[in-house]
């Protein structure tokens, strides 16, 4: 009955607005993404925040599982539960990889810091397909805008180019760099509509050719390190499930002991 009691107490403490409470109380990592992280912000730019929270393990013992993602509670804020975040990042999802490599980290507790240390484990040659796939989708929308309205949405054209630059450089170096650096001025010129669509398309073609060359000799591994990420996830779940001593003082995340590795299921037999 102890497990039932834990679940009942957690349901009572979380209330109806489970997602927002999880974000407020159980976020392990949060950062700023978008134009401010890319080095493309202007005075009119929003501040987009992304984060990762860990739903307490007993919540998974219920029929109604905790949310995999939460919008809010603040404006322009979006968060993923840790497992969902890891699954999407292992697939090479550009949005999650950029979140994990943002230069504007606002919060990272001990678990969040370990997640950041795992950044390299999520990177693989899969990024060529995922980054280019997102770029192709955006190109289709831009061409639809031209057919229907006579002009593309230049801000979206800028971000398409930025994504292709990021993909090329990631394949070249094996490192994901978010800030566009010296490309800020030419990219903002595209956003302001100071380049023709023909010039933008020519830039895209050049980036695709450079990406082809980078992919042929990339230092990235064929696949991400799934076992390393899974080991981290299992340790976090076990740590969350372990009941804390009733008389124990609150633990400072900065002084928390490192989580101990556990054998992968395949290694137990």
Protein backbone atom coordinates (compact mmCIF):
# COMPACT_ATOMS: atom_id res chain seq x y z
CA UNK A 1 0.00 0.00 0.00
CA UNK A 2 2.99 2.30 0.33
CA UNK A 3 3.08 2.94 -3.43
CA UNK A 4 -0.61 3.82 -3.47
CA UNK A 5 -0.08 6.26 -0.61
CA UNK A 6 2.81 7.94 -2.43
CA UNK A 7 0.73 8.34 -5.60
CA UNK A 8 -2.24 9.74 -3.67
CA UNK A 9 -0.06 12.28 -1.88
CA UNK A 10 1.57 13.33 -5.15
CA UNK A 11 -1.78 13.72 -6.87
CA UNK A 12 -2.99 15.89 -4.01
CA UNK A 13 0.14 18.06 -4.03
CA UNK A 14 0.15 18.48 -7.81
CA UNK A 15 -3.52 19.30 -8.14
CA UNK A 16 -5.29 19.59 -11.49
CA UNK A 17 -2.61 21.65 -13.26
CA UNK A 18 -0.09 18.82 -13.25
CA UNK A 19 1.99 20.02 -16.18
CA UNK A 20 2.66 23.49 -14.88
CA UNK A 21 3.51 22.18 -11.42
CA UNK A 22 5.96 19.70 -12.92
CA UNK A 23 7.67 22.51 -14.82
CA UNK A 24 7.83 24.76 -11.76
CA UNK A 25 9.04 22.13 -9.29
CA UNK A 26 10.87 19.51 -11.34
CA UNK A 27 12.72 21.32 -14.14
CA UNK A 28 16.31 20.12 -14.40
CA UNK A 29 17.37 22.27 -17.36
CA UNK A 30 16.10 25.44 -19.02
CA UNK A 31 17.53 27.75 -21.64
CA UNK A 32 16.75 30.48 -24.14
CA UNK A 33 16.44 29.41 -27.78
CA UNK A 34 15.44 31.11 -31.02
CA UNK A 35 16.86 34.37 -32.32
CA UNK A 36 18.50 35.35 -29.02
CA UNK A 37 20.44 32.09 -28.86
CA UNK A 38 21.27 32.21 -32.57
CA UNK A 39 22.77 35.70 -32.33
CA UNK A 40 20.02 37.04 -34.60
CA UNK A 41 17.98 38.99 -32.06
CA UNK A 42 16.72 42.50 -32.69
CA UNK A 43 14.84 44.86 -30.40
CA UNK A 44 11.57 43.26 -31.50
CA UNK A 45 12.64 39.67 -30.82
CA UNK A 46 10.74 37.51 -28.35
CA UNK A 47 12.48 35.50 -25.67
CA UNK A 48 11.71 31.83 -26.30
CA UNK A 49 12.42 29.45 -23.43
CA UNK A 50 12.71 25.67 -23.52
CA UNK A 51 13.25 23.22 -20.70
CA UNK A 52 13.38 19.64 -19.50
CA UNK A 53 11.58 18.35 -16.41
CA UNK A 54 11.67 14.98 -14.66
CA UNK A 55 8.25 13.68 -13.67
CA UNK A 56 8.58 11.82 -10.33
CA UNK A 57 8.75 8.10 -11.01
CA UNK A 58 5.64 7.21 -8.93
CA UNK A 59 3.52 9.22 -11.36
CA UNK A 60 4.25 6.58 -14.00
CA UNK A 61 2.60 3.92 -11.81
CA UNK A 62 -0.82 5.44 -12.50
CA UNK A 63 -3.08 4.72 -15.47
CA UNK A 64 -2.96 8.44 -16.28
CA UNK A 65 0.69 9.10 -17.11
CA UNK A 66 2.38 12.46 -16.63
CA UNK A 67 2.55 14.71 -19.71
CA UNK A 68 5.34 14.24 -22.23
CA UNK A 69 5.49 17.99 -22.85
CA UNK A 70 4.04 21.16 -21.37
CA UNK A 71 3.32 24.60 -22.82
CA UNK A 72 3.82 27.35 -20.24
CA UNK A 73 3.32 28.37 -17.55
CA UNK A 74 5.17 31.46 -18.79
CA UNK A 75 4.69 33.01 -22.21
CA UNK A 76 6.88 31.56 -24.98
CA UNK A 77 7.81 28.62 -22.70
CA UNK A 78 7.79 24.95 -23.69
CA UNK A 79 9.19 21.95 -21.81
CA UNK A 80 9.64 18.23 -22.40
CA UNK A 81 9.63 15.39 -19.90
CA UNK A 82 13.11 13.88 -19.80
CA UNK A 83 12.29 10.59 -21.53
CA UNK A 84 10.47 12.28 -24.41
CA UNK A 85 13.31 14.77 -24.76
CA UNK A 86 15.90 11.99 -24.98
CA UNK A 87 13.88 10.00 -27.53
CA UNK A 88 13.50 12.98 -29.87
CA UNK A 89 17.09 14.15 -29.43
CA UNK A 90 18.40 10.66 -30.24
CA UNK A 91 16.47 10.88 -33.52
CA UNK A 92 18.43 14.04 -34.37
CA UNK A 93 15.52 16.46 -33.99
CA UNK A 94 17.05 19.90 -34.69
CA UNK A 95 14.87 21.76 -32.18
CA UNK A 96 15.95 19.55 -29.28
CA UNK A 97 19.61 19.42 -30.25
CA UNK A 98 19.66 23.22 -30.48
CA UNK A 99 18.01 23.41 -27.07
CA UNK A 100 20.72 21.17 -25.64
CA UNK A 101 23.46 23.34 -27.18
CA UNK A 102 22.04 26.77 -26.40
CA UNK A 103 24.68 29.23 -25.15
CA UNK A 104 22.01 30.87 -22.96
CA UNK A 105 21.46 28.39 -20.12
CA UNK A 106 19.20 29.77 -17.40
CA UNK A 107 19.03 26.77 -15.07
CA UNK A 108 20.74 23.40 -14.69
CA UNK A 109 20.69 21.39 -11.48
CA UNK A 110 22.92 18.33 -10.91
CA UNK A 111 20.79 16.14 -13.20
CA UNK A 112 20.59 18.89 -15.80
CA UNK A 113 24.35 19.27 -15.74
CA UNK A 114 24.73 15.55 -16.40
CA UNK A 115 22.31 15.87 -19.32
CA UNK A 116 24.50 18.63 -20.73
CA UNK A 117 27.53 16.40 -20.35
CA UNK A 118 25.72 13.89 -22.57
CA UNK A 119 25.32 16.31 -25.47
CA UNK A 120 27.79 14.47 -27.64
CA UNK A 121 25.95 11.17 -27.16
CA UNK A 122 22.95 12.49 -29.09
CA UNK A 123 24.93 13.56 -32.17
CA UNK A 124 25.28 11.25 -35.16
CA UNK A 125 25.12 11.24 -38.94
CA UNK A 126 21.36 11.14 -38.61
CA UNK A 127 21.45 14.93 -38.36
CA UNK A 128 22.04 15.24 -42.10
CA UNK A 129 18.64 13.74 -42.81
CA UNK A 130 16.75 15.47 -40.01
CA UNK A 131 18.18 18.96 -40.50
CA UNK A 132 17.78 18.77 -44.27
CA UNK A 133 14.31 17.33 -43.86
CA UNK A 134 13.24 20.33 -41.78
CA UNK A 135 14.82 22.65 -44.34
CA UNK A 136 12.98 20.94 -47.21
CA UNK A 137 9.65 21.31 -45.38
CA UNK A 138 10.31 24.99 -44.83
CA UNK A 139 11.29 25.47 -48.47
CA UNK A 140 7.99 23.94 -49.55
CA UNK A 141 6.10 26.42 -47.38
CA UNK A 142 8.11 29.33 -48.75
CA UNK A 143 7.44 28.31 -52.33
CA UNK A 144 3.76 28.04 -51.43
CA UNK A 145 3.88 31.61 -50.11
CA UNK A 146 5.39 32.77 -53.40
CA UNK A 147 2.68 31.03 -55.42
CA UNK A 148 -0.16 32.29 -53.24
CA UNK A 149 1.09 35.72 -52.15
CA UNK A 150 3.84 36.66 -54.56
CA UNK A 151 6.66 36.67 -51.98
CA UNK A 152 8.17 34.43 -49.33
CA UNK A 153 8.13 35.13 -45.62
CA UNK A 154 11.66 36.45 -45.36
CA UNK A 155 12.08 35.64 -41.66
CA UNK A 156 11.40 31.99 -42.42
CA UNK A 157 13.84 32.12 -45.34
CA UNK A 158 16.49 33.43 -42.96
CA UNK A 159 15.96 30.58 -40.52
CA UNK A 160 16.03 28.01 -43.33
CA UNK A 161 19.47 29.29 -44.33
CA UNK A 162 20.58 29.31 -40.69
CA UNK A 163 19.51 25.68 -40.32
CA UNK A 164 21.47 24.65 -43.41
CA UNK A 165 24.56 26.50 -42.16
CA UNK A 166 24.23 24.74 -38.81
CA UNK A 167 23.88 21.34 -40.51
CA UNK A 168 26.91 21.91 -42.73
CA UNK A 169 29.12 23.03 -39.85
CA UNK A 170 27.94 20.21 -37.57
CA UNK A 171 28.85 17.63 -40.21
CA UNK A 172 32.20 19.34 -40.81
CA UNK A 173 33.29 19.60 -37.19
CA UNK A 174 31.19 17.15 -35.20
CA UNK A 175 30.14 20.05 -32.95
CA UNK A 176 26.85 21.92 -32.94
CA UNK A 177 27.37 25.69 -32.71
CA UNK A 178 24.20 27.73 -32.29
CA UNK A 179 25.38 31.33 -32.61
CA UNK A 180 25.66 32.32 -36.28
CA UNK A 181 28.66 34.57 -35.65
CA UNK A 182 29.85 36.38 -38.77
CA UNK A 183 26.78 35.22 -40.69
CA UNK A 184 24.56 37.56 -38.64
CA UNK A 185 24.67 40.49 -41.08
CA UNK A 186 23.93 38.54 -44.30
CA UNK A 187 21.18 36.54 -42.60
CA UNK A 188 19.48 39.65 -41.23
CA UNK A 189 19.67 41.18 -44.70
CA UNK A 190 17.58 38.22 -45.92
CA UNK A 191 15.10 38.76 -43.08
CA UNK A 192 14.69 42.40 -44.10
CA UNK A 193 13.97 41.37 -47.70
CA UNK A 194 17.16 42.96 -49.02
CA UNK A 195 18.04 39.91 -51.12
CA UNK A 196 16.10 38.57 -54.06
CA UNK A 197 14.57 35.12 -53.93
CA UNK A 198 16.97 34.04 -56.68
CA UNK A 199 19.92 35.09 -54.50
CA UNK A 200 18.49 33.21 -51.52
CA UNK A 201 17.93 30.07 -53.59
CA UNK A 202 21.50 30.29 -54.92
CA UNK A 203 22.77 30.46 -51.32
CA UNK A 204 20.68 27.41 -50.45
CA UNK A 205 22.13 25.44 -53.36
CA UNK A 206 25.65 26.33 -52.28
CA UNK A 207 24.94 25.22 -48.73
CA UNK A 208 23.53 21.91 -49.95
CA UNK A 209 26.66 21.30 -52.04
CA UNK A 210 28.88 22.12 -49.06
CA UNK A 211 26.76 19.86 -46.84
CA UNK A 212 27.20 16.98 -49.32
CA UNK A 213 30.96 17.41 -49.11
CA UNK A 214 30.90 17.64 -45.30
CA UNK A 215 28.74 14.51 -45.00
CA UNK A 216 31.25 12.51 -47.02
CA UNK A 217 33.97 13.01 -44.41
CA UNK A 218 32.12 13.88 -41.21
CA UNK A 219 33.67 12.83 -37.88
CA UNK A 220 30.21 12.08 -36.49
CA UNK A 221 29.42 8.42 -35.68
CA UNK A 222 26.79 6.60 -37.73
CA UNK A 223 24.43 6.32 -34.75
CA UNK A 224 23.96 8.15 -31.44
CA UNK A 225 25.09 6.53 -28.18
CA UNK A 226 21.68 5.19 -27.21
CA UNK A 227 22.97 2.92 -24.41
CA UNK A 228 24.74 5.79 -22.67
CA UNK A 229 21.61 7.94 -22.79
CA UNK A 230 19.42 5.05 -21.63
CA UNK A 231 21.73 4.37 -18.69
CA UNK A 232 21.32 8.01 -17.65
CA UNK A 233 17.53 7.84 -17.94
CA UNK A 234 17.30 4.63 -15.87
CA UNK A 235 19.48 6.10 -13.12
CA UNK A 236 17.35 9.24 -12.98
CA UNK A 237 14.16 7.16 -12.73
CA UNK A 238 15.61 4.98 -9.94
CA UNK A 239 16.88 7.99 -8.05
CA UNK A 240 13.42 9.58 -8.26
CA UNK A 241 11.70 6.40 -7.09
CA UNK A 242 13.87 5.95 -4.01
CA UNK A 243 12.05 7.29 -0.90
CA UNK A 244 13.96 9.97 0.96
CA UNK A 245 14.54 9.43 4.71
CA UNK A 246 11.88 11.28 6.70
CA UNK A 247 14.45 13.09 8.82
CA UNK A 248 16.90 13.88 6.06
CA UNK A 249 17.55 17.58 5.38
CA UNK A 250 16.84 19.03 1.96
CA UNK A 251 19.59 18.12 -0.48
CA UNK A 252 21.41 20.88 -2.28
CA UNK A 253 21.51 19.80 -5.97
CA UNK A 254 25.01 21.22 -6.28
CA UNK A 255 26.26 18.82 -3.60
CA UNK A 256 24.25 15.79 -4.70
CA UNK A 257 26.33 12.64 -5.24
CA UNK A 258 26.73 11.49 -8.81
CA UNK A 259 24.23 8.86 -9.91
CA UNK A 260 25.83 5.42 -10.15
CA UNK A 261 25.78 3.53 -13.46
CA UNK A 262 23.51 0.54 -13.79
CA UNK A 263 24.11 -2.41 -16.13
CA UNK A 264 22.14 -2.42 -19.36
CA UNK A 265 19.51 -5.20 -19.41
CA UNK A 266 21.46 -7.04 -22.10
CA UNK A 267 24.50 -7.20 -19.79
CA UNK A 268 22.71 -8.87 -16.89
CA UNK A 269 22.57 -12.36 -18.41
